[in-house]
PDB file of N, CA and C in Angstrom:
ATOM      1  N   MET A   1      98.036  83.724 100.919  1.00  0.00           N
ATOM      2  CA  MET A   1      97.041  83.892 101.846  1.00  0.00           C
ATOM      3  C   MET A   1      95.857  84.595 101.615  1.00  0.00           C
ATOM      4  N   LEU A   2      96.014  86.128 101.662  1.00  0.00           N
ATOM      5  CA  LEU A   2      94.990  86.888 101.185  1.00  0.00           C
ATOM      6  C   LEU A   2      94.485  86.621  99.869  1.00  0.00           C
ATOM      7  N   GLN A   3      95.401  86.353  98.794  1.00  0.00           N
ATOM      8  CA  GLN A   3      94.940  85.953  97.539  1.00  0.00           C
ATOM      9  C   GLN A   3      93.968  84.696  97.462  1.00  0.00           C
ATOM     10  N   ASP A   4      94.315  83.851  98.220  1.00  0.00           N
ATOM     11  CA  ASP A   4      93.667  82.568  98.348  1.00  0.00           C
ATOM     12  C   ASP A   4      92.344  82.821  98.898  1.00  0.00           C
ATOM     13  N   GLN A   5      92.249  83.425  99.924  1.00  0.00           N
ATOM     14  CA  GLN A   5      90.940  83.810 100.618  1.00  0.00           C
ATOM     15  C   GLN A   5      90.054  84.467  99.621  1.00  0.00           C
ATOM     16  N   ILE A   6      90.487  85.600  99.100  1.00  0.00           N
ATOM     17  CA  ILE A   6      89.708  86.268  98.032  1.00  0.00           C
ATOM     18  C   ILE A   6      89.301  85.244  96.862  1.00  0.00           C
ATOM     19  N   LYS A   7      90.306  84.502  96.525  1.00  0.00           N
ATOM     20  CA  LYS A   7      89.847  83.635  95.277  1.00  0.00           C
ATOM     21  C   LYS A   7      88.896  82.494  95.641  1.00  0.00           C
ATOM     22  N   ASN A   8      88.912  82.071  96.908  1.00  0.00           N
ATOM     23  CA  ASN A   8      88.156  80.992  97.344  1.00  0.00           C
ATOM     24  C   ASN A   8      86.552  81.550  97.450  1.00  0.00           C
ATOM     25  N   TYR A   9      86.715  82.712  98.170  1.00  0.00           N
ATOM     26  CA  TYR A   9      85.380  83.430  98.185  1.00  0.00           C
ATOM     27  C   TYR A   9      84.682  83.569  96.830  1.00  0.00           C
ATOM     28  N   LEU A  10      85.561  84.126  95.774  1.00  0.00           N
ATOM     29  CA  LEU A  10      84.833  84.165  94.510  1.00  0.00           C
ATOM     30  C   LEU A  10      84.459  82.887  93.863  1.00  0.00           C
ATOM     31  N   VAL A  11      85.298  81.918  94.155  1.00  0.00           N
ATOM     32  CA  VAL A  11      84.816  80.612  93.403  1.00  0.00           C
ATOM     33  C   VAL A  11      83.725  80.029  94.047  1.00  0.00           C
ATOM     34  N   GLU A  12      83.679  79.984  95.443  1.00  0.00           N
ATOM     35  CA  GLU A  12      82.750  79.223  96.165  1.00  0.00           C
ATOM     36  C   GLU A  12      81.400  80.341  96.372  1.00  0.00           C
ATOM     37  N   THR A  13      81.363  81.367  96.527  1.00  0.00           N
ATOM     38  CA  THR A  13      80.236  82.230  96.823  1.00  0.00           C
ATOM     39  C   THR A  13      79.752  83.011  95.627  1.00  0.00           C
ATOM     40  N   ALA A  14      80.629  83.579  94.753  1.00  0.00           N
ATOM     41  CA  ALA A  14      80.147  84.293  93.775  1.00  0.00           C
ATOM     42  C   ALA A  14      80.067  83.519  92.310  1.00  0.00           C
ATOM     43  N   GLY A  15      80.634  82.130  92.414  1.00  0.00           N
ATOM     44  CA  GLY A  15      80.568  81.309  91.140  1.00  0.00           C
ATOM     45  C   GLY A  15      81.414  81.556  90.068  1.00  0.00           C
ATOM     46  N   VAL A  16      82.495  82.203  90.359  1.00  0.00           N
ATOM     47  CA  VAL A  16      83.530  82.460  89.433  1.00  0.00           C
ATOM     48  C   VAL A  16      84.311  81.206  88.947  1.00  0.00           C
ATOM     49  N   ASP A  17      84.433  81.007  87.671  1.00  0.00           N
ATOM     50  CA  ASP A  17      85.139  79.898  87.212  1.00  0.00           C
ATOM     51  C   ASP A  17      86.739  79.997  87.801  1.00  0.00           C
ATOM     52  N   PRO A  18      87.065  78.816  88.414  1.00  0.00           N
ATOM     53  CA  PRO A  18      88.410  78.895  88.995  1.00  0.00           C
ATOM     54  C   PRO A  18      89.501  78.917  87.938  1.00  0.00           C
ATOM     55  N   GLN A  19      89.141  78.486  86.704  1.00  0.00           N
ATOM     56  CA  GLN A  19      90.345  78.603  85.651  1.00  0.00           C
ATOM     57  C   GLN A  19      90.664  79.915  85.241  1.00  0.00           C
ATOM     58  N   LYS A  20      89.664  80.956  85.494  1.00  0.00           N
ATOM     59  CA  LYS A  20      90.049  82.321  85.134  1.00  0.00           C
ATOM     60  C   LYS A  20      91.217  82.763  85.774  1.00  0.00           C
ATOM     61  N   PHE A  21      91.464  82.277  87.067  1.00  0.00           N
ATOM     62  CA  PHE A  21      92.556  82.771  87.722  1.00  0.00           C
ATOM     63  C   PHE A  21      93.999  82.254  87.360  1.00  0.00           C
ATOM     64  N   ASP A  22      93.801  81.499  86.292  1.00  0.00           N
ATOM     65  CA  ASP A  22      95.116  80.973  85.603  1.00  0.00           C
ATOM     66  C   ASP A  22      95.818  81.933  84.717  1.00  0.00           C
ATOM     67  N   ASN A  23      94.900  83.100  84.414  1.00  0.00           N
ATOM     68  CA  ASN A  23      95.282  84.195  83.558  1.00  0.00           C
ATOM     69  C   ASN A  23      96.120  85.140  84.319  1.00  0.00           C
ATOM     70  N   PRO A  24      97.321  85.350  84.198  1.00  0.00           N
ATOM     71  CA  PRO A  24      97.917  86.398  85.158  1.00  0.00           C
ATOM     72  C   PRO A  24      97.389  87.823  84.778  1.00  0.00           C
ATOM     73  N   ASP A  25      96.836  88.055  83.658  1.00  0.00           N
ATOM     74  CA  ASP A  25      96.348  89.412  83.220  1.00  0.00           C
ATOM     75  C   ASP A  25      94.776  89.592  83.638  1.00  0.00           C
ATOM     76  N   LEU A  26      94.416  88.593  84.369  1.00  0.00           N
ATOM     77  CA  LEU A  26      92.734  88.632  84.692  1.00  0.00           C
ATOM     78  C   LEU A  26      92.519  90.057  85.215  1.00  0.00           C
ATOM     79  N   LYS A  27      91.397  90.621  84.708  1.00  0.00           N
ATOM     80  CA  LYS A  27      91.042  91.958  85.192  1.00  0.00           C
ATOM     81  C   LYS A  27      89.756  91.652  86.143  1.00  0.00           C
ATOM     82  N   VAL A  28      89.627  92.572  87.190  1.00  0.00           N
ATOM     83  CA  VAL A  28      88.607  92.459  88.154  1.00  0.00           C
ATOM     84  C   VAL A  28      87.202  92.452  87.345  1.00  0.00           C
ATOM     85  N   ALA A  29      87.183  93.456  86.425  1.00  0.00           N
ATOM     86  CA  ALA A  29      86.072  93.495  85.633  1.00  0.00           C
ATOM     87  C   ALA A  29      85.628  92.216  84.854  1.00  0.00           C
ATOM     88  N   ASP A  30      86.739  91.299  84.625  1.00  0.00           N
ATOM     89  CA  ASP A  30      86.329  90.179  83.923  1.00  0.00           C
ATOM     90  C   ASP A  30      85.703  88.953  84.926  1.00  0.00           C
ATOM     91  N   LEU A  31      85.871  89.304  86.093  1.00  0.00           N
ATOM     92  CA  LEU A  31      85.215  88.377  87.099  1.00  0.00           C
ATOM     93  C   LEU A  31      83.719  88.364  86.922  1.00  0.00           C
ATOM     94  N   GLU A  32      83.187  89.408  86.356  1.00  0.00           N
ATOM     95  CA  GLU A  32      81.726  89.523  86.062  1.00  0.00           C
ATOM     96  C   GLU A  32      80.833  89.651  87.395  1.00  0.00           C
ATOM     97  N   LEU A  33      81.579  90.548  88.347  1.00  0.00           N
ATOM     98  CA  LEU A  33      80.793  90.811  89.561  1.00  0.00           C
ATOM     99  C   LEU A  33      80.154  92.081  89.302  1.00  0.00           C
ATOM    100  N   ASP A  34      79.020  92.283  89.864  1.00  0.00           N
ATOM    101  CA  ASP A  34      78.187  93.509  89.985  1.00  0.00           C
ATOM    102  C   ASP A  34      78.853  94.181  91.136  1.00  0.00           C
ATOM    103  N   SER A  35      78.363  95.536  91.285  1.00  0.00           N
ATOM    104  CA  SER A  35      78.938  96.168  92.356  1.00  0.00           C
ATOM    105  C   SER A  35      78.768  95.697  93.700  1.00  0.00           C
ATOM    106  N   LEU A  36      77.433  95.083  93.818  1.00  0.00           N
ATOM    107  CA  LEU A  36      77.236  94.418  95.117  1.00  0.00           C
ATOM    108  C   LEU A  36      78.049  93.261  95.428  1.00  0.00           C
ATOM    109  N   GLY A  37      78.375  92.475  94.294  1.00  0.00           N
ATOM    110  CA  GLY A  37      79.319  91.319  94.390  1.00  0.00           C
ATOM    111  C   GLY A  37      80.518  91.659  94.949  1.00  0.00           C
ATOM    112  N   LEU A  38      81.147  92.783  94.168  1.00  0.00           N
ATOM    113  CA  LEU A  38      82.438  93.248  94.596  1.00  0.00           C
ATOM    114  C   LEU A  38      82.420  93.762  96.147  1.00  0.00           C
ATOM    115  N   ILE A  39      81.309  94.407  96.599  1.00  0.00           N
ATOM    116  CA  ILE A  39      81.356  94.873  97.803  1.00  0.00           C
ATOM    117  C   ILE A  39      81.255  93.788  98.838  1.00  0.00           C
ATOM    118  N   GLU A  40      80.487  92.822  98.426  1.00  0.00           N
ATOM    119  CA  GLU A  40      80.439  91.412  99.473  1.00  0.00           C
ATOM    120  C   GLU A  40      81.676  90.794  99.510  1.00  0.00           C
ATOM    121  N   MET A  41      82.371  90.734  98.399  1.00  0.00           N
ATOM    122  CA  MET A  41      83.777  90.182  98.572  1.00  0.00           C
ATOM    123  C   MET A  41      84.689  90.896  99.375  1.00  0.00           C
ATOM    124  N   LEU A  42      84.680  92.160  99.428  1.00  0.00           N
ATOM    125  CA  LEU A  42      85.438  92.954 100.355  1.00  0.00           C
ATOM    126  C   LEU A  42      85.037  92.973 101.834  1.00  0.00           C
ATOM    127  N   PHE A  43      83.777  92.768 101.939  1.00  0.00           N
ATOM    128  CA  PHE A  43      83.242  92.523 103.305  1.00  0.00           C
ATOM    129  C   PHE A  43      83.794  91.441 104.003  1.00  0.00           C
ATOM    130  N   GLU A  44      84.162  90.448 103.309  1.00  0.00           N
ATOM    131  CA  GLU A  44      84.917  89.229 103.762  1.00  0.00           C
ATOM    132  C   GLU A  44      86.277  89.630 104.224  1.00  0.00           C
ATOM    133  N   VAL A  45      86.888  90.520 103.425  1.00  0.00           N
ATOM    134  CA  VAL A  45      88.336  91.011 103.970  1.00  0.00           C
ATOM    135  C   VAL A  45      88.059  91.657 105.104  1.00  0.00           C
ATOM    136  N   GLU A  46      87.197  92.656 105.145  1.00  0.00           N
ATOM    137  CA  GLU A  46      86.955  93.533 105.956  1.00  0.00           C
ATOM    138  C   GLU A  46      86.575  92.954 107.675  1.00  0.00           C
ATOM    139  N   ASP A  47      85.755  91.888 107.288  1.00  0.00           N
ATOM    140  CA  ASP A  47      85.337  91.186 108.455  1.00  0.00           C
ATOM    141  C   ASP A  47      86.504  90.462 109.300  1.00  0.00           C
ATOM    142  N   LYS A  48      87.369  89.874 108.429  1.00  0.00           N
ATOM    143  CA  LYS A  48      88.432  89.086 108.778  1.00  0.00           C
ATOM    144  C   LYS A  48      89.591  90.143 109.484  1.00  0.00           C
ATOM    145  N   TYR A  49      89.730  91.257 109.077  1.00  0.00           N
ATOM    146  CA  TYR A  49      90.914  92.157 109.367  1.00  0.00           C
ATOM    147  C   TYR A  49      90.398  93.249 110.242  1.00  0.00           C
ATOM    148  N   GLY A  50      89.026  93.492 110.160  1.00  0.00           N
ATOM    149  CA  GLY A  50      88.595  94.445 111.188  1.00  0.00           C
ATOM    150  C   GLY A  50      88.549  95.797 110.765  1.00  0.00           C
ATOM    151  N   PHE A  51      88.448  96.068 109.429  1.00  0.00           N
ATOM    152  CA  PHE A  51      88.500  97.541 109.071  1.00  0.00           C
ATOM    153  C   PHE A  51      87.747  97.690 107.592  1.00  0.00           C
ATOM    154  N   GLN A  52      87.394  98.945 107.269  1.00  0.00           N
ATOM    155  CA  GLN A  52      86.572  99.226 106.116  1.00  0.00           C
ATOM    156  C   GLN A  52      87.481  99.737 104.999  1.00  0.00           C
ATOM    157  N   ILE A  53      87.231  99.026 103.839  1.00  0.00           N
ATOM    158  CA  ILE A  53      87.970  99.389 102.646  1.00  0.00           C
ATOM    159  C   ILE A  53      87.135 100.673 102.036  1.00  0.00           C
ATOM    160  N   PRO A  54      87.867 101.811 101.936  1.00  0.00           N
ATOM    161  CA  PRO A  54      87.299 103.043 101.722  1.00  0.00           C
ATOM    162  C   PRO A  54      86.354 103.271 100.401  1.00  0.00           C
ATOM    163  N   ASP A  55      87.023 102.552  99.206  1.00  0.00           N
ATOM    164  CA  ASP A  55      86.397 102.969  97.881  1.00  0.00           C
ATOM    165  C   ASP A  55      86.338 101.742  97.047  1.00  0.00           C
ATOM    166  N   PRO A  56      85.478 100.767  97.198  1.00  0.00           N
ATOM    167  CA  PRO A  56      85.661  99.479  96.353  1.00  0.00           C
ATOM    168  C   PRO A  56      85.784  99.424  94.930  1.00  0.00           C
ATOM    169  N   MET A  57      85.190 100.569  94.322  1.00  0.00           N
ATOM    170  CA  MET A  57      85.249 100.634  93.000  1.00  0.00           C
ATOM    171  C   MET A  57      86.328 101.092  92.193  1.00  0.00           C
ATOM    172  N   VAL A  58      87.445 101.441  93.315  1.00  0.00           N
ATOM    173  CA  VAL A  58      88.812 101.631  92.548  1.00  0.00           C
ATOM    174  C   VAL A  58      89.489 100.448  92.013  1.00  0.00           C
ATOM    175  N   PHE A  59      89.035  99.324  92.555  1.00  0.00           N
ATOM    176  CA  PHE A  59      89.457  98.022  92.167  1.00  0.00           C
ATOM    177  C   PHE A  59      88.957  97.530  90.714  1.00  0.00           C
ATOM    178  N   LEU A  60      87.779  97.998  90.159  1.00  0.00           N
ATOM    179  CA  LEU A  60      87.372  97.604  88.890  1.00  0.00           C
ATOM    180  C   LEU A  60      88.325  97.530  87.774  1.00  0.00           C
ATOM    181  N   PRO A  61      89.046  98.711  87.501  1.00  0.00           N
ATOM    182  CA  PRO A  61      89.973  98.783  86.359  1.00  0.00           C
ATOM    183  C   PRO A  61      91.115  97.858  86.564  1.00  0.00           C
ATOM    184  N   MET A  62      91.646  97.392  87.708  1.00  0.00           N
ATOM    185  CA  MET A  62      92.753  96.737  88.155  1.00  0.00           C
ATOM    186  C   MET A  62      92.676  95.301  87.778  1.00  0.00           C
ATOM    187  N   THR A  63      94.024  94.617  87.585  1.00  0.00           N
ATOM    188  CA  THR A  63      93.975  93.103  87.393  1.00  0.00           C
ATOM    189  C   THR A  63      93.803  92.632  88.781  1.00  0.00           C
ATOM    190  N   PHE A  64      93.458  91.172  88.738  1.00  0.00           N
ATOM    191  CA  PHE A  64      93.145  90.592  90.010  1.00  0.00           C
ATOM    192  C   PHE A  64      94.335  90.657  90.960  1.00  0.00           C
ATOM    193  N   ALA A  65      95.552  90.446  90.307  1.00  0.00           N
ATOM    194  CA  ALA A  65      96.734  90.476  91.131  1.00  0.00           C
ATOM    195  C   ALA A  65      97.023  92.103  91.737  1.00  0.00           C
ATOM    196  N   GLU A  66      96.737  93.047  91.031  1.00  0.00           N
ATOM    197  CA  GLU A  66      96.838  94.302  91.492  1.00  0.00           C
ATOM    198  C   GLU A  66      95.885  94.684  92.627  1.00  0.00           C
ATOM    199  N   MET A  67      94.560  94.063  92.493  1.00  0.00           N
ATOM    200  CA  MET A  67      93.616  94.249  93.478  1.00  0.00           C
ATOM    201  C   MET A  67      94.069  93.502  94.771  1.00  0.00           C
ATOM    202  N   VAL A  68      94.498  92.402  94.721  1.00  0.00           N
ATOM    203  CA  VAL A  68      95.027  91.683  95.879  1.00  0.00           C
ATOM    204  C   VAL A  68      96.153  92.471  96.417  1.00  0.00           C
ATOM    205  N   ALA A  69      97.068  93.009  95.642  1.00  0.00           N
ATOM    206  CA  ALA A  69      98.327  93.624  96.133  1.00  0.00           C
ATOM    207  C   ALA A  69      97.779  94.933  96.957  1.00  0.00           C
ATOM    208  N   ALA A  70      96.817  95.805  96.273  1.00  0.00           N
ATOM    209  CA  ALA A  70      96.374  96.928  96.954  1.00  0.00           C
ATOM    210  C   ALA A  70      95.617  96.635  98.258  1.00  0.00           C
ATOM    211  N   ILE A  71      94.841  95.606  98.277  1.00  0.00           N
ATOM    212  CA  ILE A  71      94.134  95.117  99.602  1.00  0.00           C
ATOM    213  C   ILE A  71      95.113  94.725 100.637  1.00  0.00           C
ATOM    214  N   ASP A  72      96.206  94.246 100.227  1.00  0.00           N
ATOM    215  CA  ASP A  72      97.274  93.624 101.051  1.00  0.00           C
ATOM    216  C   ASP A  72      97.789  94.736 101.705  1.00  0.00           C
ATOM    217  N   THR A  73      98.033  95.796 100.946  1.00  0.00           N
ATOM    218  CA  THR A  73      98.694  97.028 101.320  1.00  0.00           C
ATOM    219  C   THR A  73      97.820  97.741 102.497  1.00  0.00           C
ATOM    220  N   LEU A  74      96.466  97.766 102.327  1.00  0.00           N
ATOM    221  CA  LEU A  74      95.506  98.346 103.101  1.00  0.00           C
ATOM    222  C   LEU A  74      95.405  97.354 104.374  1.00  0.00           C
ATOM    223  N   VAL A  75      95.490  96.187 104.199  1.00  0.00           N
ATOM    224  CA  VAL A  75      95.500  95.337 105.450  1.00  0.00           C
ATOM    225  C   VAL A  75      96.739  95.605 106.247  1.00  0.00           C
ATOM    226  N   GLN A  76      97.951  95.816 105.619  1.00  0.00           N
ATOM    227  CA  GLN A  76      99.230  95.917 106.264  1.00  0.00           C
ATOM    228  C   GLN A  76      99.222  97.327 107.087  1.00  0.00           C
ATOM    229  N   GLN A  77      98.695  98.356 106.301  1.00  0.00           N
ATOM    230  CA  GLN A  77      98.617  99.636 106.882  1.00  0.00           C
ATOM    231  C   GLN A  77      97.820  99.676 108.235  1.00  0.00           C
ATOM    232  N   HIS A  78      96.538  98.921 108.158  1.00  0.00           N
ATOM    233  CA  HIS A  78      95.656  98.860 109.310  1.00  0.00           C
ATOM    234  C   HIS A  78      96.212  98.007 110.344  1.00  0.00           C
ATOM    235  N   THR A  79      96.858  97.006 109.925  1.00  0.00           N
ATOM    236  CA  THR A  79      97.606  96.074 111.209  1.00  0.00           C
ATOM    237  C   THR A  79      98.732  96.943 111.961  1.00  0.00           C
ATOM    238  N   GLN A  80      99.465  97.835 110.985  1.00  0.00           N
ATOM    239  CA  GLN A  80     100.634  98.728 111.672  1.00  0.00           C
ATOM    240  C   GLN A  80     100.004  99.758 112.495  1.00  0.00           C
ATOM    241  N   ALA A  81      98.853 100.301 112.010  1.00  0.00           N
ATOM    242  CA  ALA A  81      98.234 101.321 113.001  1.00  0.00           C
ATOM    243  C   ALA A  81      97.550 100.865 114.161  1.00  0.00           C
ATOM    244  N   GLN A  82      97.054  99.603 114.040  1.00  0.00           N
ATOM    245  CA  GLN A  82      96.526  98.935 115.286  1.00  0.00           C
ATOM    246  C   GLN A  82      97.698  98.793 116.188  1.00  0.00           C
ATOM    247  N   ALA A  83      98.827  98.167 115.735  1.00  0.00           N
ATOM    248  CA  ALA A  83      99.898  97.884 116.605  1.00  0.00           C
ATOM    249  C   ALA A  83     100.612  99.110 117.289  1.00  0.00           C
ATOM    250  N   ALA A  84     100.373 100.262 116.498  1.00  0.00           N
ATOM    251  CA  ALA A  84     100.946 101.489 116.986  1.00  0.00           C
ATOM    252  C   ALA A  84     100.172 102.049 118.195  1.00  0.00           C
ATOM    253  N   LYS A  85      98.891 101.699 118.149  1.00  0.00           N
ATOM    254  CA  LYS A  85      97.941 102.260 119.179  1.00  0.00           C
ATOM    255  C   LYS A  85      98.364 101.500 120.441  1.00  0.00           C
ATOM    256  N   HIS A  86      98.844 100.180 120.459  1.00  0.00           N
ATOM    257  CA  HIS A  86      98.884  99.360 121.712  1.00  0.00           C
ATOM    258  C   HIS A  86     100.246  99.582 122.134  1.00  0.00           C
TER     259      HIS A  86
END
């Protein structure tokens, strides 16, 4: 779900070749995003889930799968924190 959202954004908005995602070792750096492109991609996630990701640059050395897992963890933590407030 989150992976598809990010992948679709990168293909449709940032112009990333969809075949790149066939490589399980795909690095975020190999997506050829500049720092603004990375931040814009993360804005999409932030807008959907209603929180800010603290340091987008930590994702650059990760693989795409690691980045998605890290963002998913942040989303879950935010969701749990919101649920605990209510």
